[in-house]
Protein backbone atom coordinates (compact mmCIF):
# COMPACT_ATOMS: atom_id res chain seq x y z
CA UNK A 1 -8.38 7.21 -2.32
CA UNK A 2 -8.94 10.53 -4.11
CA UNK A 3 -5.92 9.73 -6.32
CA UNK A 4 -7.55 6.46 -7.43
CA UNK A 5 -10.84 8.22 -8.09
CA UNK A 6 -9.23 10.94 -10.21
CA UNK A 7 -7.16 8.37 -12.09
CA UNK A 8 -10.22 6.25 -12.90
CA UNK A 9 -12.53 9.09 -13.96
CA UNK A 10 -10.09 11.56 -15.51
CA UNK A 11 -12.78 13.00 -17.75
CA UNK A 12 -15.13 13.90 -14.88
CA UNK A 13 -14.98 17.16 -12.97
CA UNK A 14 -15.10 15.54 -9.53
CA UNK A 15 -15.66 17.94 -6.65
CA UNK A 16 -16.82 15.56 -3.92
CA UNK A 17 -17.35 11.87 -3.30
CA UNK A 18 -18.66 9.43 -0.70
CA UNK A 19 -16.16 7.02 0.83
CA UNK A 20 -17.09 3.50 1.94
CA UNK A 21 -14.23 2.08 3.96
CA UNK A 22 -13.53 -1.39 5.30
CA UNK A 23 -10.83 -0.83 7.95
CA UNK A 24 -7.65 -2.89 7.58
CA UNK A 25 -6.83 -4.84 10.74
CA UNK A 26 -3.87 -6.78 9.35
CA UNK A 27 -2.78 -8.57 6.20
CA UNK A 28 -3.81 -11.90 7.74
CA UNK A 29 -7.25 -10.62 8.74
CA UNK A 30 -7.90 -9.05 5.33
CA UNK A 31 -6.78 -12.23 3.57
CA UNK A 32 -9.10 -14.29 5.77
CA UNK A 33 -12.06 -12.02 4.95
CA UNK A 34 -11.20 -12.20 1.26
CA UNK A 35 -10.94 -16.00 1.39
CA UNK A 36 -14.36 -16.24 3.04
CA UNK A 37 -15.96 -14.10 0.35
CA UNK A 38 -14.24 -16.05 -2.42
CA UNK A 39 -15.54 -19.43 -1.23
CA UNK A 40 -19.07 -18.14 -0.67
CA UNK A 41 -19.05 -17.61 3.12
CA UNK A 42 -20.18 -14.03 2.62
CA UNK A 43 -18.91 -11.55 5.21
CA UNK A 44 -21.19 -9.08 6.97
CA UNK A 45 -19.42 -6.19 5.22
CA UNK A 46 -20.18 -7.68 1.81
CA UNK A 47 -23.82 -8.31 2.73
CA UNK A 48 -24.21 -4.72 3.93
CA UNK A 49 -22.68 -3.39 0.73
CA UNK A 50 -24.96 -5.61 -1.35
CA UNK A 51 -27.94 -4.06 0.41
CA UNK A 52 -26.55 -0.60 -0.31
CA UNK A 53 -26.25 -1.38 -4.03
CA UNK A 54 -29.85 -2.58 -4.10
CA UNK A 55 -31.20 0.46 -2.21
CA UNK A 56 -29.24 2.83 -4.45
CA UNK A 57 -30.58 1.10 -7.57
CA UNK A 58 -34.15 1.66 -6.39
CA UNK A 59 -33.51 5.42 -6.38
CA UNK A 60 -32.88 5.19 -10.15
CA UNK A 61 -29.85 7.45 -9.97
CA UNK A 62 -26.63 6.63 -11.83
CA UNK A 63 -23.70 6.01 -9.49
CA UNK A 64 -20.02 5.65 -10.39
CA UNK A 65 -17.77 3.56 -8.18
CA UNK A 66 -14.03 3.08 -7.89
CA UNK A 67 -12.69 0.31 -5.67
CA UNK A 68 -9.22 -0.37 -4.31
CA UNK A 69 -7.65 -3.63 -3.17
CA UNK A 70 -10.04 -5.72 -1.01
CA UNK A 71 -12.76 -3.24 -1.93
CA UNK A 72 -12.84 -4.76 -5.41
CA UNK A 73 -13.54 -8.20 -3.98
CA UNK A 74 -16.21 -6.81 -1.64
CA UNK A 75 -17.91 -5.06 -4.58
CA UNK A 76 -17.88 -8.10 -6.88
CA UNK A 77 -19.03 -10.50 -4.16
CA UNK A 78 -21.76 -8.05 -3.07
CA UNK A 79 -23.12 -8.13 -6.63
CA UNK A 80 -22.86 -11.92 -6.61
CA UNK A 81 -24.77 -12.06 -3.32
CA UNK A 82 -27.43 -9.76 -4.83
CA UNK A 83 -27.70 -11.97 -7.92
CA UNK A 84 -28.31 -14.99 -5.70
CA UNK A 85 -30.70 -13.47 -3.17
CA UNK A 86 -32.63 -10.90 -5.23
CA UNK A 87 -31.67 -11.23 -8.86
CA UNK A 88 -32.83 -7.81 -10.07
CA UNK A 89 -30.73 -5.52 -12.26
CA UNK A 90 -28.14 -3.12 -10.85
CA UNK A 91 -27.70 -1.31 -14.14
CA UNK A 92 -27.49 2.17 -12.63
CA UNK A 93 -24.05 1.28 -11.28
CA UNK A 94 -20.70 1.75 -13.04
CA UNK A 95 -17.43 0.58 -11.51
CA UNK A 96 -13.67 0.76 -12.03
CA UNK A 97 -11.29 -1.52 -10.10
CA UNK A 98 -7.88 -0.32 -8.86
CA UNK A 99 -5.27 -2.84 -7.60
CA UNK A 100 -8.13 -5.30 -7.23
CA UNK A 101 -8.12 -8.38 -5.02
CA UNK A 102 -10.90 -9.84 -7.19
CA UNK A 103 -10.33 -11.85 -10.34
CA UNK A 104 -11.48 -9.82 -13.34
CA UNK A 105 -12.42 -12.82 -15.49
CA UNK A 106 -14.84 -14.01 -12.80
CA UNK A 107 -15.95 -10.48 -11.90
CA UNK A 108 -16.99 -9.62 -15.46
CA UNK A 109 -19.39 -12.58 -15.51
CA UNK A 110 -20.89 -11.56 -12.16
CA UNK A 111 -21.36 -7.93 -13.20
CA UNK A 112 -22.79 -8.85 -16.60
CA UNK A 113 -25.56 -10.87 -14.96
CA UNK A 114 -26.58 -7.84 -12.85
CA UNK A 115 -26.12 -5.29 -15.63
CA UNK A 116 -23.36 -3.43 -13.76
CA UNK A 117 -21.20 -1.50 -16.22
CA UNK A 118 -17.41 -1.33 -16.29
CA UNK A 119 -15.84 2.10 -16.84
CA UNK A 120 -13.46 1.97 -19.82
CA UNK A 121 -11.53 -1.33 -19.62
CA UNK A 122 -12.68 -1.70 -16.01
CA UNK A 123 -9.47 -2.11 -14.04
CA UNK A 124 -5.92 -0.87 -13.48
CA UNK A 125 -3.48 -3.35 -11.92
CA UNK A 126 0.30 -3.21 -11.63
CA UNK A 127 2.00 -6.37 -12.98
CA UNK A 128 4.23 -6.47 -9.88
CA UNK A 129 1.47 -5.98 -7.32
CA UNK A 130 0.83 -9.21 -5.43
CA UNK A 131 -2.76 -8.32 -4.54
CA UNK A 132 -4.29 -8.43 -8.05
CA UNK A 133 -1.74 -10.74 -9.63
CA UNK A 134 -1.40 -13.40 -6.92
CA UNK A 135 -4.36 -13.06 -4.52
CA UNK A 136 -6.72 -12.14 -7.35
CA UNK A 137 -4.99 -14.67 -9.67
CA UNK A 138 -5.29 -12.21 -12.55
CA UNK A 139 -1.79 -13.04 -13.86
CA UNK A 140 -2.95 -16.63 -14.42
CA UNK A 141 -6.42 -16.07 -15.87
CA UNK A 142 -5.23 -13.28 -18.17
CA UNK A 143 -3.30 -15.94 -20.08
CA UNK A 144 -6.66 -17.03 -21.51
CA UNK A 145 -8.03 -13.56 -22.21
CA UNK A 146 -5.07 -11.49 -23.48
CA UNK A 147 -2.37 -11.73 -26.11
CA UNK A 148 0.64 -13.97 -25.27
CA UNK A 149 2.82 -10.90 -25.86
CA UNK A 150 1.11 -9.37 -22.84
CA UNK A 151 0.36 -12.36 -20.62
CA UNK A 152 3.71 -14.19 -20.80
CA UNK A 153 5.80 -11.22 -19.59
CA UNK A 154 3.28 -10.72 -16.77
CA UNK A 155 3.71 -14.36 -15.71
CA UNK A 156 7.46 -13.80 -15.72
CA UNK A 157 6.97 -10.87 -13.35
CA UNK A 158 4.67 -12.83 -11.02
CA UNK A 159 7.50 -13.98 -8.68
CA UNK A 160 8.29 -10.31 -8.06
CA UNK A 161 4.83 -9.90 -6.55
CA UNK A 162 5.07 -13.01 -4.39
CA UNK A 163 8.62 -13.66 -3.19
CA UNK A 164 9.40 -11.68 -0.05
CA UNK A 165 12.50 -9.60 -0.54
CA UNK A 166 12.06 -9.33 -4.32
CA UNK A 167 8.56 -8.19 -3.83
CA UNK A 168 7.89 -4.75 -4.69
CA UNK A 169 8.47 -3.12 -1.39
CA UNK A 170 4.82 -3.69 -0.49
CA UNK A 171 5.29 -2.91 3.17
CA UNK A 172 7.67 0.01 2.76
CA UNK A 173 5.28 2.90 2.33
CA UNK A 174 3.49 4.50 -0.60
CA UNK A 175 6.68 5.68 -2.27
CA UNK A 176 7.90 2.14 -2.95
CA UNK A 177 4.65 0.19 -2.93
CA UNK A 178 3.17 -0.89 -6.31
CA UNK A 179 -0.16 -1.31 -4.54
CA UNK A 180 -0.90 1.95 -2.73
CA UNK A 181 -0.94 4.62 -5.49
CA UNK A 182 -2.56 4.22 -8.94
CA UNK A 183 -0.49 2.26 -11.46
CA UNK A 184 0.81 4.54 -14.22
CA UNK A 185 3.23 2.19 -16.01
CA UNK A 186 6.43 0.32 -15.12
CA UNK A 187 8.58 3.22 -16.31
CA UNK A 188 6.93 5.65 -13.91
CA UNK A 189 7.01 3.06 -11.14
CA UNK A 190 10.76 2.59 -11.68
CA UNK A 191 11.31 6.34 -11.47
CA UNK A 192 9.24 6.54 -8.28
CA UNK A 193 11.23 3.71 -6.67
CA UNK A 194 14.52 5.33 -7.71
CA UNK A 195 13.50 8.75 -6.38
CA UNK A 196 12.19 7.32 -3.12
CA UNK A 197 15.27 5.12 -2.65
CA UNK A 198 17.58 8.05 -3.37
CA UNK A 199 15.76 10.25 -0.84
CA UNK A 200 15.85 7.43 1.73
CA UNK A 201 19.59 6.91 1.12
CA UNK A 202 20.32 10.63 1.46
CA UNK A 203 18.23 10.79 4.64
CA UNK A 204 20.04 7.75 6.05
CA UNK A 205 23.39 9.31 5.17
CA UNK A 206 22.49 12.58 6.86
CA UNK A 207 21.27 10.70 9.93
CA UNK A 208 24.49 8.69 10.07
CA UNK A 209 26.62 11.83 9.71
CA UNK A 210 24.64 13.61 12.41
CA UNK A 211 24.94 10.61 14.72
CA UNK A 212 28.69 10.37 14.06
CA UNK A 213 29.14 14.10 14.62
CA UNK A 214 27.23 13.90 17.91
CA UNK A 215 29.31 10.87 18.97
CA UNK A 216 32.59 12.65 18.12
CA UNK A 217 31.39 15.75 19.96
CA UNK A 218 30.46 13.69 23.00
CA UNK A 219 33.85 11.93 22.88
CA UNK A 220 35.65 15.28 22.63
CA UNK A 221 33.70 16.63 25.59
CA UNK A 222 34.51 13.51 27.60
CA UNK A 223 38.19 13.83 26.70
CA UNK A 224 38.17 17.51 27.67
CA UNK A 225 36.52 16.68 30.99
CA UNK A 226 39.02 13.91 31.63
CA UNK A 227 41.95 16.20 30.80
CA UNK A 228 40.58 18.90 33.09
CA UNK A 229 40.13 16.38 35.85
CA UNK A 230 43.74 15.22 35.35
CA UNK A 231 44.98 18.78 35.55
CA UNK A 232 42.93 19.33 38.71
CA UNK A 233 44.44 16.21 40.32
CA UNK A 234 47.96 17.26 39.34
CA UNK A 235 47.38 20.80 40.62
CA UNK A 236 45.97 19.55 43.91
CA UNK A 237 48.89 17.16 44.30
CA UNK A 238 51.40 19.96 43.65
CA UNK A 239 49.69 22.16 46.25
CA UNK A 240 49.82 19.33 48.79
CA UNK A 241 53.55 18.84 48.20
CA UNK A 242 54.24 22.58 48.56
CA UNK A 243 52.28 22.69 51.81
CA UNK A 244 54.15 19.63 53.09
CA UNK A 245 57.55 21.27 52.28
CA UNK A 246 56.51 24.47 54.05
CA UNK A 247 55.64 22.54 57.19
CA UNK A 248 59.00 20.76 57.10
CA UNK A 249 60.90 24.06 56.77
């Protein structure tokens, strides 16, 4: 999370921050929680966070937020819940969304009603990250809010964020995932994938060589033991024959 914070607020000299974390149980569980929030069956986590926003606002102290993944949906739905239940301003809050599961077109309307400010353009989403593009449906709604030169290529990339196998290595660790670290451009993402894949290939090669070497060594030891055993049998047999001849003489 510190990487997302530093990426969002590059101009700030950040020395410490407070983390609010919604533990991930599984992809299915997180998706279910997100679906509930989206259709208005507000989760307890979102209600608690809405209360926190309200209590912080009453202290009249400016607070900057950065959210990641499902955290973006929790933040936007918490503001929506506040708008419905209380309706007062939350204009001491500023937010930036990273790899957001919320839809930015909808979110901007929710935040505007509460007076919550967006930092810079407000979000940073990879075009091949299935969380913002597919779950958040940003690839679809951006068609109506951005230039066709931007939105059409993003729609073309949408299958890469959805189809398992083509999908951007989402479950293969931070090195290959377009979702875990901050998005810094497709060129940098391509370099990161290439570097990570190369390292993984080299590691796999070394492991295979080591395994083969150990197998050859074990085979050689077994052959040596078998040869020694054969020599021992032959030697014992020769001794038995010599003893038998001596008895006969």
